[in-house]
Amino acid sequence: MSNDSRKAAGASGGAVYGLGLIGAAVYYFQQASDFWSYVFALPKAILWPAFVIYQLLKHLA
């Protein structure tokens, strides 16, 4: 496998994360009802994979 093909394969993960980030941001902004909900919508959208893994591990333990 050449070095170029490994870089291209890794780039697709960034695209999937980017789409997930946009989708999560839209979701959290739609659910926001007050000022602080809007303020925390973007950090929640950035960190949503950590929330998912935490909840998954909590249920497995």
N, C-alpha and C. Protein backbone atom coordinates (compact mmCIF):
# COMPACT_ATOMS: atom_id res chain seq x y z
N MET A 1 0.85 -1.17 0.00
CA MET A 1 0.00 0.00 0.00
C MET A 1 0.89 1.23 0.00
N SER A 2 0.60 2.14 -0.88
CA SER A 2 1.43 3.34 -0.95
C SER A 2 1.03 4.34 0.13
N ASN A 3 1.88 5.27 0.36
CA ASN A 3 1.66 6.28 1.37
C ASN A 3 0.44 7.15 1.03
N ASP A 4 0.21 7.41 -0.26
CA ASP A 4 -0.92 8.23 -0.69
C ASP A 4 -2.25 7.55 -0.40
N SER A 5 -2.35 6.25 -0.59
CA SER A 5 -3.62 5.57 -0.36
C SER A 5 -3.96 5.52 1.13
N ARG A 6 -2.96 5.45 2.00
CA ARG A 6 -3.23 5.46 3.44
C ARG A 6 -3.75 6.83 3.88
N LYS A 7 -3.23 7.89 3.32
CA LYS A 7 -3.71 9.23 3.65
C LYS A 7 -5.15 9.42 3.20
N ALA A 8 -5.49 8.92 2.04
CA ALA A 8 -6.85 9.07 1.53
C ALA A 8 -7.83 8.28 2.37
N ALA A 9 -7.45 7.11 2.83
CA ALA A 9 -8.35 6.30 3.65
C ALA A 9 -8.59 6.96 5.00
N GLY A 10 -7.60 7.62 5.55
CA GLY A 10 -7.77 8.30 6.82
C GLY A 10 -8.62 9.55 6.71
N ALA A 11 -8.65 10.14 5.55
CA ALA A 11 -9.43 11.36 5.35
C ALA A 11 -10.92 11.09 5.42
N SER A 12 -11.37 9.89 5.09
CA SER A 12 -12.81 9.60 5.11
C SER A 12 -13.35 9.63 6.54
N GLY A 13 -12.54 9.27 7.52
CA GLY A 13 -12.98 9.34 8.91
C GLY A 13 -13.24 10.77 9.34
N GLY A 14 -12.44 11.69 8.86
CA GLY A 14 -12.64 13.09 9.16
C GLY A 14 -13.93 13.62 8.55
N ALA A 15 -14.25 13.14 7.35
CA ALA A 15 -15.49 13.56 6.70
C ALA A 15 -16.70 13.04 7.46
N VAL A 16 -16.64 11.81 7.92
CA VAL A 16 -17.75 11.23 8.69
C VAL A 16 -17.91 11.98 10.00
N TYR A 17 -16.81 12.27 10.68
CA TYR A 17 -16.88 13.04 11.93
C TYR A 17 -17.43 14.43 11.67
N GLY A 18 -17.02 15.06 10.57
CA GLY A 18 -17.52 16.38 10.23
C GLY A 18 -19.02 16.40 10.00
N LEU A 19 -19.52 15.40 9.29
CA LEU A 19 -20.97 15.31 9.08
C LEU A 19 -21.69 15.05 10.40
N GLY A 20 -21.10 14.23 11.25
CA GLY A 20 -21.69 13.99 12.57
C GLY A 20 -21.70 15.25 13.41
N LEU A 21 -20.65 16.05 13.31
CA LEU A 21 -20.56 17.31 14.04
C LEU A 21 -21.66 18.27 13.58
N ILE A 22 -21.85 18.38 12.28
CA ILE A 22 -22.89 19.27 11.76
C ILE A 22 -24.27 18.78 12.19
N GLY A 23 -24.51 17.49 12.07
CA GLY A 23 -25.80 16.94 12.48
C GLY A 23 -26.06 17.14 13.95
N ALA A 24 -25.05 16.93 14.78
CA ALA A 24 -25.22 17.12 16.23
C ALA A 24 -25.45 18.58 16.56
N ALA A 25 -24.76 19.49 15.87
CA ALA A 25 -24.96 20.91 16.12
C ALA A 25 -26.38 21.33 15.76
N VAL A 26 -26.89 20.85 14.64
CA VAL A 26 -28.27 21.15 14.25
C VAL A 26 -29.23 20.61 15.30
N TYR A 27 -29.01 19.37 15.72
CA TYR A 27 -29.88 18.77 16.73
C TYR A 27 -29.89 19.57 18.03
N TYR A 28 -28.71 19.88 18.55
CA TYR A 28 -28.63 20.60 19.83
C TYR A 28 -29.19 22.02 19.72
N PHE A 29 -29.01 22.68 18.57
CA PHE A 29 -29.58 24.01 18.40
C PHE A 29 -31.11 23.94 18.32
N GLN A 30 -31.64 22.90 17.72
CA GLN A 30 -33.10 22.74 17.66
C GLN A 30 -33.68 22.46 19.04
N GLN A 31 -32.93 21.76 19.88
CA GLN A 31 -33.42 21.42 21.21
C GLN A 31 -33.24 22.56 22.22
N ALA A 32 -32.45 23.56 21.88
CA ALA A 32 -32.16 24.66 22.81
C ALA A 32 -33.41 25.50 23.05
N SER A 33 -33.58 25.91 24.31
CA SER A 33 -34.75 26.71 24.65
C SER A 33 -34.38 28.04 25.32
N ASP A 34 -33.18 28.15 25.82
CA ASP A 34 -32.77 29.39 26.46
C ASP A 34 -31.33 29.73 26.05
N PHE A 35 -30.83 30.84 26.55
CA PHE A 35 -29.52 31.34 26.15
C PHE A 35 -28.41 30.32 26.39
N TRP A 36 -28.38 29.73 27.59
CA TRP A 36 -27.28 28.83 27.93
C TRP A 36 -27.35 27.53 27.14
N SER A 37 -28.52 27.12 26.74
CA SER A 37 -28.64 25.94 25.88
C SER A 37 -27.97 26.20 24.53
N TYR A 38 -28.16 27.42 24.01
CA TYR A 38 -27.49 27.79 22.75
C TYR A 38 -25.98 27.89 22.93
N VAL A 39 -25.55 28.41 24.07
CA VAL A 39 -24.11 28.55 24.33
C VAL A 39 -23.44 27.18 24.37
N PHE A 40 -24.07 26.21 25.03
CA PHE A 40 -23.48 24.89 25.18
C PHE A 40 -23.77 23.95 24.01
N ALA A 41 -24.54 24.38 23.04
CA ALA A 41 -24.87 23.52 21.90
C ALA A 41 -23.62 23.14 21.10
N LEU A 42 -22.77 24.09 20.82
CA LEU A 42 -21.58 23.79 20.02
C LEU A 42 -20.58 22.90 20.75
N PRO A 43 -20.25 23.16 22.03
CA PRO A 43 -19.37 22.22 22.72
C PRO A 43 -19.95 20.81 22.81
N LYS A 44 -21.25 20.71 23.02
CA LYS A 44 -21.88 19.38 23.05
C LYS A 44 -21.75 18.70 21.69
N ALA A 45 -21.91 19.46 20.62
CA ALA A 45 -21.79 18.89 19.28
C ALA A 45 -20.37 18.40 19.01
N ILE A 46 -19.39 19.10 19.53
CA ILE A 46 -17.99 18.69 19.34
C ILE A 46 -17.68 17.43 20.15
N LEU A 47 -18.24 17.34 21.35
CA LEU A 47 -17.91 16.26 22.26
C LEU A 47 -18.88 15.08 22.24
N TRP A 48 -19.85 15.05 21.33
CA TRP A 48 -20.86 14.01 21.36
C TRP A 48 -20.29 12.59 21.28
N PRO A 49 -19.20 12.33 20.55
CA PRO A 49 -18.68 10.95 20.56
C PRO A 49 -18.22 10.51 21.95
N ALA A 50 -17.68 11.43 22.73
CA ALA A 50 -17.25 11.09 24.09
C ALA A 50 -18.45 10.74 24.95
N PHE A 51 -19.57 11.46 24.80
CA PHE A 51 -20.78 11.14 25.55
C PHE A 51 -21.31 9.75 25.19
N VAL A 52 -21.28 9.42 23.91
CA VAL A 52 -21.77 8.11 23.46
C VAL A 52 -20.91 6.99 24.03
N ILE A 53 -19.60 7.12 23.94
CA ILE A 53 -18.71 6.08 24.46
C ILE A 53 -18.85 5.95 25.97
N TYR A 54 -18.97 7.06 26.67
CA TYR A 54 -19.14 7.02 28.13
C TYR A 54 -20.41 6.25 28.50
N GLN A 55 -21.52 6.56 27.84
CA GLN A 55 -22.78 5.88 28.14
C GLN A 55 -22.69 4.39 27.78
N LEU A 56 -22.04 4.08 26.67
CA LEU A 56 -21.88 2.69 26.27
C LEU A 56 -21.07 1.91 27.31
N LEU A 57 -19.96 2.47 27.74
CA LEU A 57 -19.13 1.80 28.74
C LEU A 57 -19.84 1.69 30.09
N LYS A 58 -20.63 2.69 30.42
CA LYS A 58 -21.37 2.66 31.69
C LYS A 58 -22.38 1.50 31.68
N HIS A 59 -23.00 1.24 30.54
CA HIS A 59 -23.97 0.15 30.45
C HIS A 59 -23.31 -1.22 30.36
N LEU A 60 -22.08 -1.26 29.88
CA LEU A 60 -21.38 -2.54 29.76
C LEU A 60 -20.74 -2.97 31.09
N ALA A 61 -20.45 -2.01 31.94
CA ALA A 61 -19.75 -2.34 33.20
C ALA A 61 -20.70 -2.85 34.27
